[in-house]
Every structure is written in structure tokens, then in C-alpha cells.
């Protein structure tokens, strides 16, 4: 696939996210837009995906630890063919399983419930260790936010994974330098976190989190028996210029005018 093909898929996913969030009058559109390009690379290139046997024992496993970006994962799974687009229309409805944070098995492909930050990597490390002990070929991917790395449980899991040389474990950090109450580097500066991961026995690469070919190349270049971490420099709200790097889009839902303007921008990129 060419870069432009990935970009079109990403625009279609962002359009679905916009629809879900606008129709439900919910939040976290900035957080969801931030990770779309990472999800596109994972589901359309990096991960082993078998739509004919989605419960295969040796399938690759994905955990969205920053569970508040649920709409991005729902839309990506839909775009990849896990389920029909009509399922997304249920997002945010009373009684629906498609909540603002991912719930295990609410849709095909949702492996783990998430939302309480800092839990995803410990679960992923356990899954990776189990696969290693059973001599299975599963690879486990866990996507976290940079603000989430303020949680001590992240670093406990990092130490554990490094000690056990979980080479089948991949952490992806959505490093958009924003979190719920402000800029990450002002709340708790982890701008040099790559050194910390290396110190705990991880292989580290840093990429532009919106450059699909660079992301894919980085995954292909991981080469050791160590657990791996991809630090992806991203922009909150990526894809709609007036949302980009604005903390308010952690919380706001678009007005009708904003929805129409964003829809026009994203549709033009399809």
C-alpha cells in the first residue's frame, strides 16, 4: 500500500469517529484522532489479522489502554472488516455496549476492557508471558497515552517485561504532549522517557506518529529478543486543523457548524 492509501483509510476512520461523537454529543475526539494513524498501520500492515478466524489461538492481540479513545478503535475495526458499519450507529445509545470506554467483547476484536489508565500494559505483559510459556506465536500490542505513563503500574509492567525478555510484547505510546488537565511536559515531564524504557531492558524507537510508512518501517526494524516500545510523536486532534493541539478537544463535542466543517475537511481527503 502507498502512503496515500493509508491516508485515505485514516480519513475514513476519522470521519466515522466524527459521526459517532457528534451524534452522541460525547467527548474525546482529540484523543481518538491522535491515534488513528497508528491503528491504521497496525491493522492494515503490522498485525496478523485473520477475519476468517478471529478467535485463533495464535492471533495477534491488541489492547487499547487509553480506553477513552474507544471510537478510534471501533471505527478502525469496522474499516478493517470486523463488523458492519451499522454497528457504529449504536455508539452512545442507552443500553448499548459501545460505550465511551472499550468493553471486552462488545464488538469483535475488542480483547480487553479499558479506561482506568495504567492497566493495559500489565495485562498485555501477562498475555505475552503466557504466550511465551506456551510456545505460541502471538504478538501483543498495547497502545497507551503519554499522560498515562504517569501511572506507576506502567513502570512496574515495564520492569516485569524487561526482566522476562518478552520479545513478543509491543508498547506504543501516543505522545501528543496533552492530557486531561494540560500539557504533559508541564504536569510531569517524561520527554526523555526513551532512556527509562531502555534502562528497563526494552528496545526503543521514536517516530512521527502520523507518517504511516515511517511507523511501518520502525516495526519492521525491531530486531531483538527484548520487549519493544514505539514512542510516536503525535498531535491531539490530528486531521482537522482547528482541533489540532487544542486541549479543549479532550472534552468538547462539535457543534453543528463545527461538525459540518470537519466533515467537509475529512471528506475531501477520501
Protein backbone atom coordinates (compact mmCIF):
# COMPACT_ATOMS: atom_id res chain seq x y z
CA UNK A 1 0.00 0.00 0.00
CA UNK A 2 1.16 3.54 -0.75
CA UNK A 3 1.17 6.42 1.74
CA UNK A 4 -1.88 7.94 0.05
CA UNK A 5 -3.83 4.70 0.52
CA UNK A 6 -3.16 4.73 4.25
CA UNK A 7 -4.12 8.41 4.36
CA UNK A 8 -7.48 7.71 2.73
CA UNK A 9 -8.20 4.91 5.20
CA UNK A 10 -7.25 7.22 8.07
CA UNK A 11 -9.57 9.96 6.77
CA UNK A 12 -12.45 7.47 6.51
CA UNK A 13 -11.82 6.35 10.10
CA UNK A 14 -11.69 9.94 11.36
CA UNK A 15 -14.97 10.63 9.56
CA UNK A 16 -16.59 7.69 11.38
CA UNK A 17 -15.22 8.97 14.69
CA UNK A 18 -16.64 12.42 13.97
CA UNK A 19 -20.07 10.93 13.21
CA UNK A 20 -20.11 8.86 16.42
CA UNK A 21 -19.03 11.69 18.67
CA UNK A 22 -21.27 14.32 17.08
CA UNK A 23 -24.38 12.09 17.08
CA UNK A 24 -23.85 11.03 20.70
CA UNK A 25 -22.75 14.52 21.88
CA UNK A 26 -19.81 12.84 23.60
CA UNK A 27 -16.14 13.72 24.06
CA UNK A 28 -12.53 12.61 23.43
CA UNK A 29 -12.47 13.34 19.71
CA UNK A 30 -8.98 14.84 20.04
CA UNK A 31 -7.66 11.72 21.77
CA UNK A 32 -9.25 9.48 19.13
CA UNK A 33 -7.94 11.46 16.15
CA UNK A 34 -4.46 11.34 17.70
CA UNK A 35 -4.12 7.56 17.40
CA UNK A 36 -5.82 6.87 14.07
CA UNK A 37 -2.64 6.64 12.00
CA UNK A 38 -1.09 4.23 14.49
CA UNK A 39 -4.17 2.00 14.34
CA UNK A 40 -4.20 2.08 10.54
CA UNK A 41 -0.60 0.83 10.43
CA UNK A 42 -1.27 -1.89 12.99
CA UNK A 43 -4.47 -3.28 11.49
CA UNK A 44 -3.66 -2.83 7.81
CA UNK A 45 0.01 -3.86 7.86
CA UNK A 46 1.82 -4.76 11.07
CA UNK A 47 -0.52 -7.13 12.91
CA UNK A 48 -1.52 -10.59 11.74
CA UNK A 49 -5.29 -10.29 11.22
CA UNK A 50 -7.41 -13.30 10.20
CA UNK A 51 -11.00 -12.24 9.63
CA UNK A 52 -11.99 -15.85 8.90
CA UNK A 53 -10.85 -16.99 12.35
CA UNK A 54 -10.91 -14.01 14.71
CA UNK A 55 -10.51 -16.22 17.78
CA UNK A 56 -7.49 -18.16 16.51
CA UNK A 57 -5.38 -19.18 19.50
CA UNK A 58 -2.22 -17.67 17.97
CA UNK A 59 -3.79 -14.42 16.78
CA UNK A 60 -2.06 -11.13 17.42
CA UNK A 61 -3.65 -9.30 20.35
CA UNK A 62 -4.32 -5.58 20.67
CA UNK A 63 -5.12 -3.66 23.85
CA UNK A 64 -6.24 -0.03 23.77
CA UNK A 65 -5.07 1.02 27.21
CA UNK A 66 -6.14 4.64 26.67
CA UNK A 67 -9.69 3.33 26.55
CA UNK A 68 -11.30 6.78 26.30
CA UNK A 69 -10.24 6.82 22.63
CA UNK A 70 -12.67 3.95 22.04
CA UNK A 71 -14.24 5.49 18.94
CA UNK A 72 -10.92 5.23 17.10
CA UNK A 73 -10.71 1.50 17.73
CA UNK A 74 -14.39 0.90 16.88
CA UNK A 75 -14.01 2.77 13.59
CA UNK A 76 -10.75 1.03 12.70
CA UNK A 77 -12.15 -2.44 13.32
CA UNK A 78 -15.17 -1.56 11.20
CA UNK A 79 -12.98 -0.25 8.38
CA UNK A 80 -10.86 -3.43 8.54
CA UNK A 81 -13.97 -5.61 8.13
CA UNK A 82 -14.57 -6.96 11.61
CA UNK A 83 -18.26 -5.93 11.51
CA UNK A 84 -20.77 -3.87 9.51
CA UNK A 85 -20.83 -0.08 9.75
CA UNK A 86 -24.39 -0.13 11.15
CA UNK A 87 -22.90 -1.28 14.47
CA UNK A 88 -21.25 2.11 14.88
CA UNK A 89 -24.66 3.80 14.85
CA UNK A 90 -25.30 2.31 18.29
CA UNK A 91 -22.43 4.23 19.88
CA UNK A 92 -23.56 6.18 22.93
CA UNK A 93 -27.17 4.98 22.83
CA UNK A 94 -28.90 3.99 26.06
CA UNK A 95 -28.22 0.33 26.80
CA UNK A 96 -25.58 -0.05 24.09
CA UNK A 97 -22.37 -1.98 24.62
CA UNK A 98 -20.49 0.64 22.60
CA UNK A 99 -19.56 2.91 25.47
CA UNK A 100 -17.10 5.76 25.77
CA UNK A 101 -14.50 3.29 27.03
CA UNK A 102 -13.90 -0.09 25.40
CA UNK A 103 -15.58 -3.14 26.94
CA UNK A 104 -14.31 -6.64 26.25
CA UNK A 105 -16.30 -8.45 23.53
CA UNK A 106 -18.68 -5.51 22.97
CA UNK A 107 -17.64 -5.92 19.33
CA UNK A 108 -15.46 -8.47 17.53
CA UNK A 109 -11.81 -7.57 18.08
CA UNK A 110 -12.18 -5.90 21.50
CA UNK A 111 -9.90 -8.10 23.61
CA UNK A 112 -9.81 -6.21 26.93
CA UNK A 113 -11.94 -3.68 28.84
CA UNK A 114 -10.05 -0.44 29.44
CA UNK A 115 -10.41 3.05 30.75
CA UNK A 116 -8.72 3.02 34.13
CA UNK A 117 -5.36 4.23 32.91
CA UNK A 118 -2.24 2.20 33.59
CA UNK A 119 -3.92 -1.20 33.39
CA UNK A 120 -3.35 -2.07 29.74
CA UNK A 121 0.39 -2.74 29.79
CA UNK A 122 0.27 -5.04 32.83
CA UNK A 123 -2.47 -7.09 31.12
CA UNK A 124 -0.51 -7.12 27.86
CA UNK A 125 2.62 -8.28 29.68
CA UNK A 126 0.68 -11.15 31.23
CA UNK A 127 -0.68 -12.16 27.84
CA UNK A 128 2.78 -12.01 26.30
CA UNK A 129 4.30 -14.11 29.08
CA UNK A 130 1.55 -16.72 28.76
CA UNK A 131 2.17 -16.97 25.01
CA UNK A 132 5.91 -17.29 25.58
CA UNK A 133 5.49 -20.04 28.17
CA UNK A 134 3.12 -21.92 25.86
CA UNK A 135 5.44 -21.51 22.87
CA UNK A 136 2.71 -19.69 20.94
CA UNK A 137 3.41 -17.14 18.22
CA UNK A 138 1.08 -14.42 19.50
CA UNK A 139 2.36 -10.89 19.40
CA UNK A 140 0.76 -8.49 21.87
CA UNK A 141 0.36 -4.78 21.14
CA UNK A 142 -0.63 -2.20 23.77
CA UNK A 143 -1.38 1.42 22.90
CA UNK A 144 -1.04 3.95 25.72
CA UNK A 145 -1.09 7.72 26.13
CA UNK A 146 1.92 9.73 27.26
CA UNK A 147 -0.05 11.09 30.22
CA UNK A 148 -0.92 7.52 31.12
CA UNK A 149 2.78 6.90 31.64
CA UNK A 150 2.47 8.93 34.85
CA UNK A 151 0.91 5.80 36.35
CA UNK A 152 3.26 3.65 38.42
CA UNK A 153 1.67 0.43 37.14
CA UNK A 154 3.06 1.20 33.68
CA UNK A 155 6.60 1.11 35.01
CA UNK A 156 6.00 -1.99 37.12
CA UNK A 157 4.90 -3.75 33.93
CA UNK A 158 7.88 -2.33 32.05
CA UNK A 159 10.30 -3.76 34.62
CA UNK A 160 8.47 -7.11 34.57
CA UNK A 161 8.51 -7.36 30.77
CA UNK A 162 12.17 -6.43 30.53
CA UNK A 163 13.12 -9.00 33.16
CA UNK A 164 11.26 -11.76 31.33
CA UNK A 165 12.53 -10.63 27.90
CA UNK A 166 9.06 -10.56 26.42
CA UNK A 167 10.12 -10.08 22.83
CA UNK A 168 6.55 -10.64 21.68
CA UNK A 169 5.33 -7.52 23.53
CA UNK A 170 5.00 -4.12 21.82
CA UNK A 171 4.07 -0.92 23.64
CA UNK A 172 3.00 2.05 21.53
CA UNK A 173 2.94 5.46 23.20
CA UNK A 174 0.69 8.15 21.74
CA UNK A 175 2.98 11.04 22.68
CA UNK A 176 0.81 14.07 21.87
CA UNK A 177 2.05 16.05 24.93
CA UNK A 178 -1.51 16.63 26.13
CA UNK A 179 -3.58 15.10 28.91
CA UNK A 180 -6.79 15.89 30.71
CA UNK A 181 -5.57 18.91 32.68
CA UNK A 182 -2.88 20.39 30.47
CA UNK A 183 0.37 19.76 28.66
CA UNK A 184 2.17 16.59 29.66
CA UNK A 185 5.61 18.16 29.92
CA UNK A 186 4.25 20.70 32.42
CA UNK A 187 2.35 18.20 34.58
CA UNK A 188 5.07 15.54 34.77
CA UNK A 189 7.86 15.82 32.24
CA UNK A 190 8.58 12.49 30.55
CA UNK A 191 10.05 13.91 27.35
CA UNK A 192 13.15 11.72 27.74
CA UNK A 193 11.23 8.58 28.60
CA UNK A 194 13.03 6.55 25.93
CA UNK A 195 16.03 6.33 28.22
CA UNK A 196 13.85 4.95 31.01
CA UNK A 197 12.45 2.20 28.77
CA UNK A 198 15.95 1.29 27.61
CA UNK A 199 17.07 1.13 31.22
CA UNK A 200 14.36 -1.42 31.94
CA UNK A 201 15.52 -3.63 29.09
CA UNK A 202 13.32 -2.51 26.20
CA UNK A 203 14.21 -1.82 22.58
CA UNK A 204 13.08 1.74 21.76
CA UNK A 205 12.27 3.60 18.55
CA UNK A 206 10.80 7.09 18.13
CA UNK A 207 8.72 8.02 15.07
CA UNK A 208 6.40 10.60 13.58
CA UNK A 209 3.10 9.09 14.71
CA UNK A 210 1.28 10.33 11.60
CA UNK A 211 3.74 9.09 8.97
CA UNK A 212 2.42 5.66 8.02
CA UNK A 213 5.48 4.44 6.14
CA UNK A 214 7.80 5.55 8.95
CA UNK A 215 5.68 3.73 11.53
CA UNK A 216 5.59 0.52 9.48
CA UNK A 217 9.34 0.67 8.85
CA UNK A 218 10.00 1.07 12.57
CA UNK A 219 8.04 -2.06 13.43
CA UNK A 220 9.92 -3.97 10.72
CA UNK A 221 13.26 -2.78 12.14
CA UNK A 222 12.66 -4.04 15.69
CA UNK A 223 15.20 -6.84 15.93
CA UNK A 224 15.97 -8.06 19.45
CA UNK A 225 14.51 -10.54 21.95
CA UNK A 226 13.66 -7.58 24.19
CA UNK A 227 10.17 -6.11 24.57
CA UNK A 228 9.71 -3.19 22.19
CA UNK A 229 8.32 0.33 22.62
CA UNK A 230 7.40 2.72 19.83
CA UNK A 231 7.28 6.34 21.00
CA UNK A 232 5.00 8.03 18.47
CA UNK A 233 5.14 11.83 18.34
CA UNK A 234 1.54 12.78 17.56
CA UNK A 235 -0.83 15.75 17.54
CA UNK A 236 -4.06 15.73 19.51
CA UNK A 237 -6.98 16.32 17.12
CA UNK A 238 -4.89 15.44 14.06
CA UNK A 239 -6.77 15.73 10.77
CA UNK A 240 -8.82 18.86 11.44
CA UNK A 241 -6.51 21.87 11.66
CA UNK A 242 -8.55 23.92 14.14
CA UNK A 243 -8.77 20.96 16.53
CA UNK A 244 -5.06 20.18 16.45
CA UNK A 245 -3.06 20.55 19.68
CA UNK A 246 -6.05 22.07 21.50
CA UNK A 247 -6.69 20.69 24.99
CA UNK A 248 -10.43 21.51 24.81
CA UNK A 249 -10.96 18.70 22.30
CA UNK A 250 -10.22 16.25 25.07
CA UNK A 251 -13.70 17.18 26.34
CA UNK A 252 -15.77 19.07 23.75
CA UNK A 253 -18.29 17.72 21.30
CA UNK A 254 -18.53 19.57 17.96
CA UNK A 255 -21.38 21.98 17.36
CA UNK A 256 -23.44 21.52 14.20
CA UNK A 257 -21.35 24.09 12.32
CA UNK A 258 -18.08 22.55 13.54
CA UNK A 259 -19.34 19.09 12.61
CA UNK A 260 -20.17 20.19 9.05
CA UNK A 261 -16.83 21.96 8.65
CA UNK A 262 -14.85 18.96 9.95
CA UNK A 263 -16.90 16.60 7.78
CA UNK A 264 -16.08 18.65 4.69
CA UNK A 265 -12.36 18.59 5.52
CA UNK A 266 -12.24 14.84 6.08
CA UNK A 267 -14.47 14.00 3.10
CA UNK A 268 -12.17 15.98 0.81
CA UNK A 269 -9.32 13.65 1.78
CA UNK A 270 -11.12 10.42 0.86
